[in-house]
Amino acid sequence: MSKEQIVRIARQVLADEIDPLEACRAIVRSQDGLSDTERDDPDLTTLLAIESETDDLPMGRVRELWIERP
């Protein structure tokens, strides 16, 4: 993933077009195109920590099935 793609995802979060947790997961999964220096960015390290701590939370369609309805 390029820096431009990460910026695009961040803008989608700000425009409420994508869930922040889904965006975090997408960025963490797609760091392969970044250099080692770019991967050491504190912001990406934070996203990795968030993804690691929430990887067991359901997302997307699965999450909809977990929501309790009155």
PDB file of N, CA and C in Angstrom:
ATOM      1  N   MET A   1       0.865  -1.169   0.000  1.00  0.00           N
ATOM      2  CA  MET A   1       0.000   0.000   0.000  1.00  0.00           C
ATOM      3  C   MET A   1       0.906   1.225   0.000  1.00  0.00           C
ATOM      4  N   SER A   2       0.548   2.164  -0.775  1.00  0.00           N
ATOM      5  CA  SER A   2       1.326   3.398  -0.845  1.00  0.00           C
ATOM      6  C   SER A   2       0.817   4.411   0.185  1.00  0.00           C
ATOM      7  N   LYS A   3       1.624   5.426   0.408  1.00  0.00           N
ATOM      8  CA  LYS A   3       1.204   6.494   1.320  1.00  0.00           C
ATOM      9  C   LYS A   3      -0.080   7.150   0.809  1.00  0.00           C
ATOM     10  N   GLU A   4      -0.203   7.264  -0.500  1.00  0.00           N
ATOM     11  CA  GLU A   4      -1.408   7.880  -1.076  1.00  0.00           C
ATOM     12  C   GLU A   4      -2.652   7.063  -0.750  1.00  0.00           C
ATOM     13  N   GLN A   5      -2.531   5.742  -0.752  1.00  0.00           N
ATOM     14  CA  GLN A   5      -3.671   4.895  -0.414  1.00  0.00           C
ATOM     15  C   GLN A   5      -4.042   5.037   1.061  1.00  0.00           C
ATOM     16  N   ILE A   6      -3.044   5.165   1.904  1.00  0.00           N
ATOM     17  CA  ILE A   6      -3.313   5.363   3.329  1.00  0.00           C
ATOM     18  C   ILE A   6      -4.042   6.691   3.538  1.00  0.00           C
ATOM     19  N   VAL A   7      -3.609   7.729   2.842  1.00  0.00           N
ATOM     20  CA  VAL A   7      -4.272   9.029   2.933  1.00  0.00           C
ATOM     21  C   VAL A   7      -5.716   8.920   2.436  1.00  0.00           C
ATOM     22  N   ARG A   8      -5.926   8.175   1.349  1.00  0.00           N
ATOM     23  CA  ARG A   8      -7.283   7.987   0.814  1.00  0.00           C
ATOM     24  C   ARG A   8      -8.182   7.320   1.854  1.00  0.00           C
ATOM     25  N   ILE A   9      -7.661   6.293   2.517  1.00  0.00           N
ATOM     26  CA  ILE A   9      -8.446   5.603   3.548  1.00  0.00           C
ATOM     27  C   ILE A   9      -8.728   6.546   4.719  1.00  0.00           C
ATOM     28  N   ALA A  10      -7.740   7.324   5.120  1.00  0.00           N
ATOM     29  CA  ALA A  10      -7.941   8.282   6.209  1.00  0.00           C
ATOM     30  C   ALA A  10      -9.031   9.294   5.854  1.00  0.00           C
ATOM     31  N   ARG A  11      -9.028   9.745   4.632  1.00  0.00           N
ATOM     32  CA  ARG A  11     -10.065  10.696   4.198  1.00  0.00           C
ATOM     33  C   ARG A  11     -11.443  10.043   4.199  1.00  0.00           C
ATOM     34  N   GLN A  12     -11.505   8.767   3.862  1.00  0.00           N
ATOM     35  CA  GLN A  12     -12.781   8.049   3.898  1.00  0.00           C
ATOM     36  C   GLN A  12     -13.310   7.966   5.329  1.00  0.00           C
ATOM     37  N   VAL A  13     -12.410   7.783   6.282  1.00  0.00           N
ATOM     38  CA  VAL A  13     -12.827   7.756   7.686  1.00  0.00           C
ATOM     39  C   VAL A  13     -13.387   9.119   8.082  1.00  0.00           C
ATOM     40  N   LEU A  14     -12.673  10.164   7.718  1.00  0.00           N
ATOM     41  CA  LEU A  14     -13.131  11.520   8.063  1.00  0.00           C
ATOM     42  C   LEU A  14     -14.460  11.867   7.408  1.00  0.00           C
ATOM     43  N   ALA A  15     -14.714  11.323   6.229  1.00  0.00           N
ATOM     44  CA  ALA A  15     -15.979  11.574   5.527  1.00  0.00           C
ATOM     45  C   ALA A  15     -17.068  10.591   5.957  1.00  0.00           C
ATOM     46  N   ASP A  16     -16.754   9.751   6.946  1.00  0.00           N
ATOM     47  CA  ASP A  16     -17.694   8.756   7.471  1.00  0.00           C
ATOM     48  C   ASP A  16     -18.137   7.765   6.390  1.00  0.00           C
ATOM     49  N   GLU A  17     -17.212   7.433   5.502  1.00  0.00           N
ATOM     50  CA  GLU A  17     -17.492   6.477   4.432  1.00  0.00           C
ATOM     51  C   GLU A  17     -17.020   5.069   4.773  1.00  0.00           C
ATOM     52  N   ILE A  18     -16.173   4.952   5.784  1.00  0.00           N
ATOM     53  CA  ILE A  18     -15.650   3.660   6.205  1.00  0.00           C
ATOM     54  C   ILE A  18     -15.467   3.691   7.717  1.00  0.00           C
ATOM     55  N   ASP A  19     -15.734   2.579   8.339  1.00  0.00           N
ATOM     56  CA  ASP A  19     -15.574   2.452   9.778  1.00  0.00           C
ATOM     57  C   ASP A  19     -14.096   2.595  10.149  1.00  0.00           C
ATOM     58  N   PRO A  20     -13.780   3.367  11.186  1.00  0.00           N
ATOM     59  CA  PRO A  20     -12.376   3.555  11.567  1.00  0.00           C
ATOM     60  C   PRO A  20     -11.635   2.248  11.851  1.00  0.00           C
ATOM     61  N   LEU A  21     -12.301   1.307  12.479  1.00  0.00           N
ATOM     62  CA  LEU A  21     -11.642   0.034  12.768  1.00  0.00           C
ATOM     63  C   LEU A  21     -11.361  -0.748  11.482  1.00  0.00           C
ATOM     64  N   GLU A  22     -12.298  -0.726  10.552  1.00  0.00           N
ATOM     65  CA  GLU A  22     -12.073  -1.380   9.265  1.00  0.00           C
ATOM     66  C   GLU A  22     -10.912  -0.711   8.530  1.00  0.00           C
ATOM     67  N   ALA A  23     -10.841   0.613   8.599  1.00  0.00           N
ATOM     68  CA  ALA A  23      -9.745   1.335   7.967  1.00  0.00           C
ATOM     69  C   ALA A  23      -8.414   0.959   8.603  1.00  0.00           C
ATOM     70  N   CYS A  24      -8.397   0.888   9.909  1.00  0.00           N
ATOM     71  CA  CYS A  24      -7.191   0.507  10.634  1.00  0.00           C
ATOM     72  C   CYS A  24      -6.716  -0.864  10.177  1.00  0.00           C
ATOM     73  N   ARG A  25      -7.628  -1.805  10.106  1.00  0.00           N
ATOM     74  CA  ARG A  25      -7.277  -3.159   9.676  1.00  0.00           C
ATOM     75  C   ARG A  25      -6.767  -3.179   8.241  1.00  0.00           C
ATOM     76  N   ALA A  26      -7.397  -2.408   7.378  1.00  0.00           N
ATOM     77  CA  ALA A  26      -6.968  -2.362   5.972  1.00  0.00           C
ATOM     78  C   ALA A  26      -5.548  -1.811   5.853  1.00  0.00           C
ATOM     79  N   ILE A  27      -5.261  -0.779   6.593  1.00  0.00           N
ATOM     80  CA  ILE A  27      -3.922  -0.169   6.540  1.00  0.00           C
ATOM     81  C   ILE A  27      -2.877  -1.132   7.092  1.00  0.00           C
ATOM     82  N   VAL A  28      -3.173  -1.767   8.207  1.00  0.00           N
ATOM     83  CA  VAL A  28      -2.212  -2.690   8.819  1.00  0.00           C
ATOM     84  C   VAL A  28      -1.950  -3.884   7.900  1.00  0.00           C
ATOM     85  N   ARG A  29      -2.994  -4.406   7.276  1.00  0.00           N
ATOM     86  CA  ARG A  29      -2.834  -5.565   6.382  1.00  0.00           C
ATOM     87  C   ARG A  29      -2.032  -5.226   5.139  1.00  0.00           C
ATOM     88  N   SER A  30      -2.024  -3.983   4.756  1.00  0.00           N
ATOM     89  CA  SER A  30      -1.463  -3.610   3.458  1.00  0.00           C
ATOM     90  C   SER A  30      -0.226  -2.727   3.566  1.00  0.00           C
ATOM     91  N   GLN A  31       0.615  -2.969   4.522  1.00  0.00           N
ATOM     92  CA  GLN A  31       1.820  -2.166   4.696  1.00  0.00           C
ATOM     93  C   GLN A  31       2.974  -2.628   3.807  1.00  0.00           C
ATOM     94  N   ASP A  32       2.784  -3.658   3.037  1.00  0.00           N
ATOM     95  CA  ASP A  32       3.888  -4.260   2.281  1.00  0.00           C
ATOM     96  C   ASP A  32       4.621  -3.291   1.364  1.00  0.00           C
ATOM     97  N   GLY A  33       3.940  -2.307   0.802  1.00  0.00           N
ATOM     98  CA  GLY A  33       4.574  -1.378  -0.114  1.00  0.00           C
ATOM     99  C   GLY A  33       5.389  -0.279   0.556  1.00  0.00           C
ATOM    100  N   LEU A  34       5.402  -0.274   1.877  1.00  0.00           N
ATOM    101  CA  LEU A  34       6.105   0.781   2.606  1.00  0.00           C
ATOM    102  C   LEU A  34       7.529   0.355   2.932  1.00  0.00           C
ATOM    103  N   SER A  35       8.407   1.322   3.013  1.00  0.00           N
ATOM    104  CA  SER A  35       9.789   1.047   3.403  1.00  0.00           C
ATOM    105  C   SER A  35       9.841   0.774   4.904  1.00  0.00           C
ATOM    106  N   ASP A  36      10.950   0.242   5.356  1.00  0.00           N
ATOM    107  CA  ASP A  36      11.116  -0.015   6.792  1.00  0.00           C
ATOM    108  C   ASP A  36      11.000   1.265   7.599  1.00  0.00           C
ATOM    109  N   THR A  37      11.544   2.348   7.065  1.00  0.00           N
ATOM    110  CA  THR A  37      11.467   3.639   7.752  1.00  0.00           C
ATOM    111  C   THR A  37      10.016   4.088   7.883  1.00  0.00           C
ATOM    112  N   GLU A  38       9.246   3.936   6.806  1.00  0.00           N
ATOM    113  CA  GLU A  38       7.838   4.335   6.840  1.00  0.00           C
ATOM    114  C   GLU A  38       7.046   3.444   7.799  1.00  0.00           C
ATOM    115  N   ARG A  39       7.383   2.177   7.866  1.00  0.00           N
ATOM    116  CA  ARG A  39       6.691   1.261   8.787  1.00  0.00           C
ATOM    117  C   ARG A  39       6.957   1.598  10.250  1.00  0.00           C
ATOM    118  N   ASP A  40       8.072   2.259  10.522  1.00  0.00           N
ATOM    119  CA  ASP A  40       8.402   2.644  11.894  1.00  0.00           C
ATOM    120  C   ASP A  40       7.699   3.922  12.338  1.00  0.00           C
ATOM    121  N   ASP A  41       6.845   4.475  11.481  1.00  0.00           N
ATOM    122  CA  ASP A  41       6.106   5.692  11.813  1.00  0.00           C
ATOM    123  C   ASP A  41       5.250   5.433  13.057  1.00  0.00           C
ATOM    124  N   PRO A  42       5.290   6.325  14.034  1.00  0.00           N
ATOM    125  CA  PRO A  42       4.511   6.126  15.268  1.00  0.00           C
ATOM    126  C   PRO A  42       3.008   5.978  15.013  1.00  0.00           C
ATOM    127  N   ASP A  43       2.492   6.646  13.997  1.00  0.00           N
ATOM    128  CA  ASP A  43       1.062   6.519  13.699  1.00  0.00           C
ATOM    129  C   ASP A  43       0.727   5.103  13.238  1.00  0.00           C
ATOM    130  N   LEU A  44       1.579   4.527  12.392  1.00  0.00           N
ATOM    131  CA  LEU A  44       1.340   3.155  11.953  1.00  0.00           C
ATOM    132  C   LEU A  44       1.520   2.167  13.098  1.00  0.00           C
ATOM    133  N   THR A  45       2.458   2.457  13.980  1.00  0.00           N
ATOM    134  CA  THR A  45       2.650   1.607  15.155  1.00  0.00           C
ATOM    135  C   THR A  45       1.394   1.629  16.023  1.00  0.00           C
ATOM    136  N   THR A  46       0.788   2.790  16.158  1.00  0.00           N
ATOM    137  CA  THR A  46      -0.464   2.912  16.916  1.00  0.00           C
ATOM    138  C   THR A  46      -1.573   2.115  16.257  1.00  0.00           C
ATOM    139  N   LEU A  47      -1.683   2.215  14.927  1.00  0.00           N
ATOM    140  CA  LEU A  47      -2.713   1.445  14.209  1.00  0.00           C
ATOM    141  C   LEU A  47      -2.494  -0.054  14.381  1.00  0.00           C
ATOM    142  N   LEU A  48      -1.247  -0.478  14.367  1.00  0.00           N
ATOM    143  CA  LEU A  48      -0.942  -1.891  14.573  1.00  0.00           C
ATOM    144  C   LEU A  48      -1.377  -2.338  15.968  1.00  0.00           C
ATOM    145  N   ALA A  49      -1.137  -1.501  16.964  1.00  0.00           N
ATOM    146  CA  ALA A  49      -1.550  -1.832  18.328  1.00  0.00           C
ATOM    147  C   ALA A  49      -3.072  -1.912  18.433  1.00  0.00           C
ATOM    148  N   ILE A  50      -3.773  -0.975  17.806  1.00  0.00           N
ATOM    149  CA  ILE A  50      -5.240  -0.991  17.821  1.00  0.00           C
ATOM    150  C   ILE A  50      -5.754  -2.251  17.145  1.00  0.00           C
ATOM    151  N   GLU A  51      -5.196  -2.565  15.995  1.00  0.00           N
ATOM    152  CA  GLU A  51      -5.624  -3.762  15.254  1.00  0.00           C
ATOM    153  C   GLU A  51      -5.375  -5.013  16.081  1.00  0.00           C
ATOM    154  N   SER A  52      -4.241  -5.080  16.731  1.00  0.00           N
ATOM    155  CA  SER A  52      -3.893  -6.242  17.536  1.00  0.00           C
ATOM    156  C   SER A  52      -4.846  -6.424  18.712  1.00  0.00           C
ATOM    157  N   GLU A  53      -5.224  -5.318  19.339  1.00  0.00           N
ATOM    158  CA  GLU A  53      -6.099  -5.384  20.516  1.00  0.00           C
ATOM    159  C   GLU A  53      -7.567  -5.620  20.161  1.00  0.00           C
ATOM    160  N   THR A  54      -7.946  -5.398  18.904  1.00  0.00           N
ATOM    161  CA  THR A  54      -9.360  -5.519  18.516  1.00  0.00           C
ATOM    162  C   THR A  54      -9.587  -6.592  17.460  1.00  0.00           C
ATOM    163  N   ASP A  55      -8.579  -7.419  17.192  1.00  0.00           N
ATOM    164  CA  ASP A  55      -8.718  -8.381  16.103  1.00  0.00           C
ATOM    165  C   ASP A  55      -9.797  -9.436  16.343  1.00  0.00           C
ATOM    166  N   ASP A  56     -10.268  -9.584  17.575  1.00  0.00           N
ATOM    167  CA  ASP A  56     -11.330 -10.543  17.849  1.00  0.00           C
ATOM    168  C   ASP A  56     -12.731  -9.926  17.781  1.00  0.00           C
ATOM    169  N   LEU A  57     -12.823  -8.633  17.536  1.00  0.00           N
ATOM    170  CA  LEU A  57     -14.133  -7.985  17.419  1.00  0.00           C
ATOM    171  C   LEU A  57     -14.716  -8.249  16.034  1.00  0.00           C
ATOM    172  N   PRO A  58     -15.987  -8.577  15.973  1.00  0.00           N
ATOM    173  CA  PRO A  58     -16.602  -8.825  14.666  1.00  0.00           C
ATOM    174  C   PRO A  58     -16.757  -7.529  13.870  1.00  0.00           C
ATOM    175  N   MET A  59     -16.642  -7.638  12.562  1.00  0.00           N
ATOM    176  CA  MET A  59     -16.777  -6.482  11.678  1.00  0.00           C
ATOM    177  C   MET A  59     -17.720  -6.825  10.528  1.00  0.00           C
ATOM    178  N   GLY A  60     -18.219  -5.784   9.878  1.00  0.00           N
ATOM    179  CA  GLY A  60     -19.041  -5.968   8.683  1.00  0.00           C
ATOM    180  C   GLY A  60     -20.315  -6.739   8.955  1.00  0.00           C
ATOM    181  N   ARG A  61     -20.620  -7.662   8.081  1.00  0.00           N
ATOM    182  CA  ARG A  61     -21.857  -8.452   8.161  1.00  0.00           C
ATOM    183  C   ARG A  61     -21.915  -9.257   9.458  1.00  0.00           C
ATOM    184  N   VAL A  62     -20.796  -9.798   9.865  1.00  0.00           N
ATOM    185  CA  VAL A  62     -20.759 -10.580  11.102  1.00  0.00           C
ATOM    186  C   VAL A  62     -21.142  -9.703  12.288  1.00  0.00           C
ATOM    187  N   ARG A  63     -20.668  -8.468  12.305  1.00  0.00           N
ATOM    188  CA  ARG A  63     -20.989  -7.560  13.414  1.00  0.00           C
ATOM    189  C   ARG A  63     -22.489  -7.299  13.476  1.00  0.00           C
ATOM    190  N   GLU A  64     -23.119  -7.166  12.326  1.00  0.00           N
ATOM    191  CA  GLU A  64     -24.566  -6.925  12.293  1.00  0.00           C
ATOM    192  C   GLU A  64     -25.325  -8.061  12.983  1.00  0.00           C
ATOM    193  N   LEU A  65     -24.812  -9.274  12.893  1.00  0.00           N
ATOM    194  CA  LEU A  65     -25.461 -10.415  13.513  1.00  0.00           C
ATOM    195  C   LEU A  65     -25.277 -10.427  15.027  1.00  0.00           C
ATOM    196  N   TRP A  66     -24.289  -9.705  15.537  1.00  0.00           N
ATOM    197  CA  TRP A  66     -24.007  -9.666  16.962  1.00  0.00           C
ATOM    198  C   TRP A  66     -24.797  -8.584  17.685  1.00  0.00           C
ATOM    199  N   ILE A  67     -25.330  -7.623  16.939  1.00  0.00           N
ATOM    200  CA  ILE A  67     -26.049  -6.515  17.552  1.00  0.00           C
ATOM    201  C   ILE A  67     -27.402  -6.997  18.070  1.00  0.00           C
ATOM    202  N   GLU A  68     -27.632  -6.730  19.355  1.00  0.00           N
ATOM    203  CA  GLU A  68     -28.892  -7.125  19.950  1.00  0.00           C
ATOM    204  C   GLU A  68     -29.991  -6.161  19.528  1.00  0.00           C
ATOM    205  N   ARG A  69     -31.060  -6.692  19.059  1.00  0.00           N
ATOM    206  CA  ARG A  69     -32.181  -5.884  18.606  1.00  0.00           C
ATOM    207  C   ARG A  69     -33.321  -5.990  19.617  1.00  0.00           C
ATOM    208  N   PRO A  70     -34.007  -4.864  19.877  1.00  0.00           N
ATOM    209  CA  PRO A  70     -35.116  -4.890  20.855  1.00  0.00           C
ATOM    210  C   PRO A  70     -36.304  -5.678  20.350  1.00  0.00           C
TER     211      PRO A  70
END
